[in-house]
């Protein structure tokens, strides 16, 4: 995993995409780093993509919104981490065609997870991004 700093949020970003299956750039930003500028999240995702850990599709009907998902390599790597043990990600989500066909439902599920996460943050309760199971 050349160039991926596990001390940073790269590990969390890959874990979130593996567990949530897919998310827009904005959703990823709200999950992993809402306190920083969104450009940092964009750079993080681009770096993970350059390493072959995640990929994206662009939704032309949604203002060219980018939807991110883990590659098979990214899912394999994340599944070896202790915090991801026992999680079995969907195999079809790593294929861009499957992502396009499932994007509506999957992004709605991600938005639901965000509602719980953001509410817990507002209340000062402990709810981490990987606490959500789809």
N, C-alpha and C. Protein backbone atom coordinates (compact mmCIF):
# COMPACT_ATOMS: atom_id res chain seq x y z
N UNK A 1 0.85 -1.17 0.00
CA UNK A 1 0.00 0.00 0.00
C UNK A 1 0.89 1.24 0.00
N UNK A 2 1.58 1.47 -1.05
CA UNK A 2 2.51 2.57 -1.17
C UNK A 2 1.74 3.89 -1.15
N UNK A 3 2.23 4.83 -0.34
CA UNK A 3 1.64 6.17 -0.33
C UNK A 3 0.38 6.30 0.51
N UNK A 4 -0.07 5.26 1.15
CA UNK A 4 -1.27 5.36 1.98
C UNK A 4 -0.82 5.42 3.43
N UNK A 5 -1.13 6.52 4.08
CA UNK A 5 -0.72 6.75 5.46
C UNK A 5 -1.80 6.21 6.38
N UNK A 6 -1.54 5.05 7.00
CA UNK A 6 -2.54 4.46 7.87
C UNK A 6 -2.77 5.27 9.13
N UNK A 7 -1.88 6.19 9.44
CA UNK A 7 -2.08 7.06 10.59
C UNK A 7 -3.09 8.15 10.29
N UNK A 8 -3.39 8.36 9.04
CA UNK A 8 -4.34 9.40 8.65
C UNK A 8 -5.73 8.77 8.50
N UNK A 9 -6.59 9.48 7.83
CA UNK A 9 -7.94 8.99 7.62
C UNK A 9 -8.08 8.07 6.43
N UNK A 10 -6.97 7.72 5.76
CA UNK A 10 -7.06 6.85 4.60
C UNK A 10 -7.67 5.50 4.97
N UNK A 11 -7.22 4.96 6.08
CA UNK A 11 -7.73 3.66 6.54
C UNK A 11 -9.22 3.76 6.84
N UNK A 12 -9.61 4.84 7.52
CA UNK A 12 -11.03 5.03 7.84
C UNK A 12 -11.84 5.18 6.55
N UNK A 13 -11.34 5.95 5.60
CA UNK A 13 -12.07 6.16 4.34
C UNK A 13 -12.28 4.83 3.62
N UNK A 14 -11.24 4.02 3.52
CA UNK A 14 -11.39 2.72 2.86
C UNK A 14 -12.33 1.82 3.64
N UNK A 15 -12.22 1.83 4.95
CA UNK A 15 -13.13 1.03 5.79
C UNK A 15 -14.58 1.44 5.61
N UNK A 16 -14.82 2.74 5.57
CA UNK A 16 -16.19 3.24 5.38
C UNK A 16 -16.74 2.80 4.03
N UNK A 17 -15.95 2.95 2.97
CA UNK A 17 -16.44 2.54 1.65
C UNK A 17 -16.66 1.03 1.58
N UNK A 18 -15.83 0.27 2.26
CA UNK A 18 -16.01 -1.18 2.27
C UNK A 18 -17.29 -1.54 3.01
N UNK A 19 -17.53 -0.89 4.12
CA UNK A 19 -18.71 -1.21 4.93
C UNK A 19 -20.00 -0.62 4.38
N UNK A 20 -19.97 0.62 3.91
CA UNK A 20 -21.17 1.29 3.41
C UNK A 20 -21.47 0.93 1.95
N UNK A 21 -20.49 0.37 1.26
CA UNK A 21 -20.55 -0.07 -0.14
C UNK A 21 -20.32 1.03 -1.15
N UNK A 22 -20.93 2.20 -0.96
CA UNK A 22 -20.66 3.33 -1.84
C UNK A 22 -21.15 4.61 -1.19
N UNK A 23 -20.55 5.72 -1.63
CA UNK A 23 -20.91 7.03 -1.08
C UNK A 23 -20.46 8.12 -2.04
N UNK A 24 -21.17 9.24 -2.01
CA UNK A 24 -20.74 10.39 -2.79
C UNK A 24 -19.56 11.05 -2.08
N UNK A 25 -18.90 11.95 -2.78
CA UNK A 25 -17.80 12.69 -2.16
C UNK A 25 -18.31 13.44 -0.94
N UNK A 26 -19.44 14.09 -1.05
CA UNK A 26 -20.00 14.85 0.08
C UNK A 26 -20.33 13.93 1.25
N UNK A 27 -20.93 12.79 0.98
CA UNK A 27 -21.24 11.85 2.05
C UNK A 27 -19.97 11.38 2.75
N UNK A 28 -18.94 11.05 1.97
CA UNK A 28 -17.67 10.63 2.57
C UNK A 28 -17.11 11.74 3.45
N UNK A 29 -17.19 12.95 2.99
CA UNK A 29 -16.71 14.07 3.77
C UNK A 29 -17.46 14.19 5.10
N UNK A 30 -18.77 14.07 5.05
CA UNK A 30 -19.58 14.17 6.26
C UNK A 30 -19.30 13.03 7.23
N UNK A 31 -18.95 11.85 6.71
CA UNK A 31 -18.67 10.70 7.57
C UNK A 31 -17.29 10.79 8.18
N UNK A 32 -16.27 11.02 7.37
CA UNK A 32 -14.89 10.85 7.87
C UNK A 32 -14.23 12.13 8.36
N UNK A 33 -14.63 13.30 7.86
CA UNK A 33 -13.91 14.51 8.23
C UNK A 33 -14.74 15.78 8.08
N UNK A 34 -15.88 15.89 8.76
CA UNK A 34 -16.73 17.07 8.56
C UNK A 34 -16.10 18.36 9.08
N UNK A 35 -15.07 18.25 9.91
CA UNK A 35 -14.46 19.45 10.51
C UNK A 35 -13.41 20.10 9.62
N UNK A 36 -13.04 19.46 8.52
CA UNK A 36 -12.03 20.03 7.61
C UNK A 36 -12.69 20.41 6.29
N UNK A 37 -11.93 21.04 5.42
CA UNK A 37 -12.46 21.43 4.11
C UNK A 37 -12.66 20.19 3.24
N UNK A 38 -13.68 20.22 2.40
CA UNK A 38 -14.01 19.07 1.56
C UNK A 38 -12.88 18.75 0.57
N UNK A 39 -12.04 19.71 0.25
CA UNK A 39 -10.92 19.46 -0.65
C UNK A 39 -10.00 18.39 -0.09
N UNK A 40 -9.85 18.35 1.23
CA UNK A 40 -9.01 17.31 1.84
C UNK A 40 -9.60 15.92 1.61
N UNK A 41 -10.91 15.82 1.70
CA UNK A 41 -11.57 14.54 1.44
C UNK A 41 -11.41 14.17 -0.02
N UNK A 42 -11.56 15.13 -0.92
CA UNK A 42 -11.37 14.86 -2.36
C UNK A 42 -9.96 14.34 -2.64
N UNK A 43 -8.96 14.99 -2.04
CA UNK A 43 -7.57 14.55 -2.23
C UNK A 43 -7.36 13.15 -1.66
N UNK A 44 -7.93 12.87 -0.52
CA UNK A 44 -7.79 11.54 0.10
C UNK A 44 -8.39 10.47 -0.83
N UNK A 45 -9.57 10.71 -1.34
CA UNK A 45 -10.21 9.74 -2.24
C UNK A 45 -9.42 9.58 -3.53
N UNK A 46 -8.90 10.67 -4.06
CA UNK A 46 -8.08 10.59 -5.28
C UNK A 46 -6.82 9.77 -5.02
N UNK A 47 -6.22 9.94 -3.85
CA UNK A 47 -5.01 9.18 -3.50
C UNK A 47 -5.34 7.69 -3.39
N UNK A 48 -6.44 7.36 -2.74
CA UNK A 48 -6.86 5.96 -2.62
C UNK A 48 -7.16 5.37 -4.00
N UNK A 49 -7.72 6.18 -4.88
CA UNK A 49 -8.00 5.71 -6.25
C UNK A 49 -6.70 5.46 -6.99
N UNK A 50 -5.73 6.35 -6.83
CA UNK A 50 -4.43 6.17 -7.50
C UNK A 50 -3.73 4.90 -7.02
N UNK A 51 -3.99 4.50 -5.79
CA UNK A 51 -3.41 3.27 -5.23
C UNK A 51 -4.20 2.02 -5.62
N UNK A 52 -5.33 2.21 -6.31
CA UNK A 52 -6.14 1.07 -6.74
C UNK A 52 -7.04 0.51 -5.65
N UNK A 53 -7.26 1.27 -4.59
CA UNK A 53 -8.08 0.79 -3.47
C UNK A 53 -9.55 1.14 -3.62
N UNK A 54 -9.84 2.24 -4.29
CA UNK A 54 -11.22 2.66 -4.54
C UNK A 54 -11.33 3.10 -5.99
N UNK A 55 -12.56 3.19 -6.45
CA UNK A 55 -12.82 3.71 -7.79
C UNK A 55 -14.07 4.57 -7.70
N UNK A 56 -14.47 5.13 -8.82
CA UNK A 56 -15.64 6.00 -8.81
C UNK A 56 -16.37 5.93 -10.14
N UNK A 57 -17.62 6.31 -10.07
CA UNK A 57 -18.41 6.57 -11.28
C UNK A 57 -18.91 8.00 -11.16
N UNK A 58 -19.32 8.57 -12.26
CA UNK A 58 -19.87 9.92 -12.26
C UNK A 58 -21.32 9.82 -12.72
N UNK A 59 -22.21 10.44 -11.97
CA UNK A 59 -23.63 10.43 -12.29
C UNK A 59 -23.96 11.71 -13.05
N UNK A 60 -24.14 11.62 -14.38
CA UNK A 60 -24.39 12.83 -15.17
C UNK A 60 -25.71 13.51 -14.82
N UNK A 61 -26.71 12.75 -14.42
CA UNK A 61 -28.01 13.32 -14.12
C UNK A 61 -28.04 14.01 -12.76
N UNK A 62 -26.98 13.89 -11.98
CA UNK A 62 -26.96 14.47 -10.64
C UNK A 62 -25.87 15.54 -10.54
N UNK A 63 -25.73 16.35 -11.57
CA UNK A 63 -24.73 17.41 -11.53
C UNK A 63 -23.31 16.88 -11.53
N UNK A 64 -23.10 15.75 -12.17
CA UNK A 64 -21.78 15.11 -12.26
C UNK A 64 -21.25 14.70 -10.89
N UNK A 65 -22.15 14.27 -10.04
CA UNK A 65 -21.79 13.78 -8.71
C UNK A 65 -20.94 12.53 -8.84
N UNK A 66 -19.85 12.46 -8.06
CA UNK A 66 -19.00 11.28 -8.05
C UNK A 66 -19.44 10.34 -6.94
N UNK A 67 -19.55 9.07 -7.30
CA UNK A 67 -19.89 8.02 -6.35
C UNK A 67 -18.70 7.10 -6.23
N UNK A 68 -18.22 6.93 -5.00
CA UNK A 68 -17.01 6.14 -4.72
C UNK A 68 -17.38 4.77 -4.20
N UNK A 69 -16.56 3.77 -4.54
CA UNK A 69 -16.77 2.40 -4.07
C UNK A 69 -15.42 1.71 -4.00
N UNK A 70 -15.30 0.68 -3.16
CA UNK A 70 -14.02 -0.02 -3.04
C UNK A 70 -13.78 -0.96 -4.21
N UNK A 71 -12.53 -1.10 -4.58
CA UNK A 71 -12.15 -2.08 -5.60
C UNK A 71 -12.02 -3.44 -4.92
N UNK A 72 -11.94 -4.52 -5.68
CA UNK A 72 -11.70 -5.82 -5.05
C UNK A 72 -10.43 -5.83 -4.18
N UNK A 73 -9.39 -5.14 -4.66
CA UNK A 73 -8.15 -5.05 -3.87
C UNK A 73 -8.39 -4.30 -2.57
N UNK A 74 -9.12 -3.20 -2.64
CA UNK A 74 -9.44 -2.42 -1.44
C UNK A 74 -10.26 -3.22 -0.46
N UNK A 75 -11.25 -3.97 -0.96
CA UNK A 75 -12.07 -4.80 -0.07
C UNK A 75 -11.24 -5.90 0.57
N UNK A 76 -10.36 -6.51 -0.19
CA UNK A 76 -9.50 -7.57 0.34
C UNK A 76 -8.61 -7.03 1.45
N UNK A 77 -8.01 -5.89 1.20
CA UNK A 77 -7.12 -5.28 2.20
C UNK A 77 -7.89 -4.92 3.46
N UNK A 78 -9.01 -4.24 3.32
CA UNK A 78 -9.80 -3.81 4.49
C UNK A 78 -10.34 -5.00 5.27
N UNK A 79 -10.68 -6.07 4.58
CA UNK A 79 -11.25 -7.24 5.29
C UNK A 79 -10.24 -7.90 6.22
N UNK A 80 -8.96 -7.58 6.06
CA UNK A 80 -7.93 -8.14 6.93
C UNK A 80 -7.75 -7.36 8.22
N UNK A 81 -8.34 -6.19 8.32
CA UNK A 81 -8.20 -5.34 9.51
C UNK A 81 -9.08 -5.86 10.64
N UNK A 82 -8.63 -5.77 11.87
CA UNK A 82 -9.44 -6.25 13.01
C UNK A 82 -10.82 -5.60 13.08
N UNK A 83 -10.91 -4.31 12.79
CA UNK A 83 -12.21 -3.63 12.89
C UNK A 83 -13.19 -4.05 11.80
N UNK A 84 -12.72 -4.75 10.79
CA UNK A 84 -13.59 -5.19 9.71
C UNK A 84 -13.84 -6.71 9.74
N UNK A 85 -13.28 -7.37 10.72
CA UNK A 85 -13.44 -8.83 10.82
C UNK A 85 -14.92 -9.20 10.89
N UNK A 86 -15.30 -10.20 10.14
CA UNK A 86 -16.68 -10.67 10.15
C UNK A 86 -17.58 -9.94 9.18
N UNK A 87 -17.09 -8.89 8.54
CA UNK A 87 -17.90 -8.14 7.58
C UNK A 87 -17.68 -8.72 6.19
N UNK A 88 -18.76 -9.04 5.51
CA UNK A 88 -18.67 -9.60 4.16
C UNK A 88 -19.26 -8.61 3.17
N UNK A 89 -18.42 -7.83 2.50
CA UNK A 89 -18.94 -6.86 1.53
C UNK A 89 -19.50 -7.54 0.28
N UNK A 90 -20.41 -6.84 -0.36
CA UNK A 90 -20.99 -7.33 -1.61
C UNK A 90 -19.91 -7.42 -2.67
N UNK A 91 -19.85 -8.52 -3.38
CA UNK A 91 -18.86 -8.67 -4.44
C UNK A 91 -19.20 -7.81 -5.66
N UNK A 92 -20.47 -7.65 -5.95
CA UNK A 92 -20.86 -6.93 -7.17
C UNK A 92 -20.66 -5.43 -7.06
N UNK A 93 -20.51 -4.89 -5.88
CA UNK A 93 -20.40 -3.45 -5.75
C UNK A 93 -19.08 -2.92 -6.31
N UNK A 94 -18.10 -3.76 -6.52
CA UNK A 94 -16.82 -3.29 -7.05
C UNK A 94 -16.82 -3.18 -8.58
N UNK A 95 -17.89 -3.52 -9.21
CA UNK A 95 -18.02 -3.42 -10.66
C UNK A 95 -18.78 -2.13 -11.00
N UNK A 96 -18.24 -1.25 -11.84
CA UNK A 96 -18.91 0.01 -12.16
C UNK A 96 -20.34 -0.15 -12.68
N UNK A 97 -20.61 -1.18 -13.45
CA UNK A 97 -21.97 -1.40 -13.94
C UNK A 97 -22.91 -1.72 -12.78
N UNK A 98 -22.48 -2.59 -11.89
CA UNK A 98 -23.30 -2.92 -10.72
C UNK A 98 -23.51 -1.69 -9.84
N UNK A 99 -22.49 -0.86 -9.72
CA UNK A 99 -22.62 0.37 -8.93
C UNK A 99 -23.71 1.25 -9.53
N UNK A 100 -23.69 1.42 -10.85
CA UNK A 100 -24.72 2.25 -11.50
C UNK A 100 -26.12 1.70 -11.26
N UNK A 101 -26.27 0.39 -11.26
CA UNK A 101 -27.58 -0.21 -11.08
C UNK A 101 -28.07 -0.14 -9.63
N UNK A 102 -27.14 -0.08 -8.68
CA UNK A 102 -27.50 -0.10 -7.26
C UNK A 102 -27.37 1.25 -6.58
N UNK A 103 -26.95 2.26 -7.32
CA UNK A 103 -26.58 3.53 -6.70
C UNK A 103 -27.72 4.20 -5.93
N UNK A 104 -28.92 4.19 -6.44
CA UNK A 104 -30.03 4.86 -5.76
C UNK A 104 -30.27 4.31 -4.37
N UNK A 105 -30.40 3.02 -4.28
CA UNK A 105 -30.64 2.36 -2.99
C UNK A 105 -29.44 2.53 -2.06
N UNK A 106 -28.25 2.28 -2.58
CA UNK A 106 -27.05 2.32 -1.73
C UNK A 106 -26.80 3.72 -1.16
N UNK A 107 -26.99 4.76 -1.96
CA UNK A 107 -26.78 6.11 -1.45
C UNK A 107 -27.83 6.50 -0.43
N UNK A 108 -29.03 5.96 -0.56
CA UNK A 108 -30.07 6.20 0.44
C UNK A 108 -29.70 5.53 1.76
N UNK A 109 -29.16 4.32 1.69
CA UNK A 109 -28.71 3.63 2.90
C UNK A 109 -27.57 4.41 3.55
N UNK A 110 -26.63 4.91 2.76
CA UNK A 110 -25.53 5.71 3.29
C UNK A 110 -26.07 6.98 3.94
N UNK A 111 -27.05 7.60 3.35
CA UNK A 111 -27.64 8.81 3.92
C UNK A 111 -28.33 8.50 5.25
N UNK A 112 -28.93 7.32 5.36
CA UNK A 112 -29.55 6.90 6.62
C UNK A 112 -28.48 6.73 7.69
N UNK A 113 -27.37 6.11 7.34
CA UNK A 113 -26.27 5.96 8.30
C UNK A 113 -25.78 7.33 8.76
N UNK A 114 -25.69 8.27 7.83
CA UNK A 114 -25.25 9.62 8.16
C UNK A 114 -26.21 10.30 9.13
N UNK A 115 -27.49 10.07 8.98
CA UNK A 115 -28.47 10.67 9.90
C UNK A 115 -28.20 10.21 11.33
N UNK A 116 -27.95 8.93 11.51
CA UNK A 116 -27.64 8.41 12.85
C UNK A 116 -26.32 8.96 13.37
N UNK A 117 -25.30 8.96 12.52
CA UNK A 117 -23.97 9.43 12.91
C UNK A 117 -23.99 10.91 13.28
N UNK A 118 -24.61 11.73 12.45
CA UNK A 118 -24.65 13.17 12.72
C UNK A 118 -25.50 13.50 13.94
N UNK A 119 -26.58 12.77 14.15
CA UNK A 119 -27.39 13.00 15.34
C UNK A 119 -26.60 12.65 16.60
N UNK A 120 -25.88 11.55 16.56
CA UNK A 120 -25.05 11.17 17.72
C UNK A 120 -23.97 12.21 17.97
N UNK A 121 -23.36 12.73 16.92
CA UNK A 121 -22.34 13.77 17.09
C UNK A 121 -22.93 15.02 17.74
N UNK A 122 -24.12 15.43 17.28
CA UNK A 122 -24.77 16.62 17.85
C UNK A 122 -25.05 16.43 19.34
N UNK A 123 -25.43 15.22 19.72
CA UNK A 123 -25.77 14.92 21.12
C UNK A 123 -24.54 14.65 21.98
N UNK A 124 -23.38 14.53 21.35
CA UNK A 124 -22.16 14.22 22.08
C UNK A 124 -22.05 12.75 22.45
N UNK A 125 -22.81 11.91 21.76
CA UNK A 125 -22.78 10.46 22.01
C UNK A 125 -21.72 9.80 21.14
N UNK A 126 -21.28 8.65 21.56
CA UNK A 126 -20.28 7.92 20.81
C UNK A 126 -20.96 7.08 19.71
N UNK A 127 -20.67 7.43 18.50
CA UNK A 127 -21.13 6.66 17.34
C UNK A 127 -20.10 6.91 16.26
N UNK A 128 -19.26 5.91 16.02
CA UNK A 128 -18.19 6.04 15.04
C UNK A 128 -18.67 5.59 13.67
N UNK A 129 -18.02 6.05 12.62
CA UNK A 129 -18.46 5.68 11.27
C UNK A 129 -18.58 4.18 11.02
N UNK A 130 -17.70 3.38 11.60
CA UNK A 130 -17.75 1.93 11.35
C UNK A 130 -18.71 1.21 12.30
N UNK A 131 -19.41 1.93 13.17
CA UNK A 131 -20.41 1.33 14.03
C UNK A 131 -21.67 0.96 13.24
N UNK A 132 -21.88 1.61 12.09
CA UNK A 132 -23.06 1.37 11.27
C UNK A 132 -22.87 0.11 10.45
N UNK A 133 -23.84 -0.77 10.47
CA UNK A 133 -23.84 -1.96 9.62
C UNK A 133 -25.01 -1.89 8.66
N UNK A 134 -24.74 -2.09 7.38
CA UNK A 134 -25.83 -2.05 6.41
C UNK A 134 -26.66 -3.31 6.50
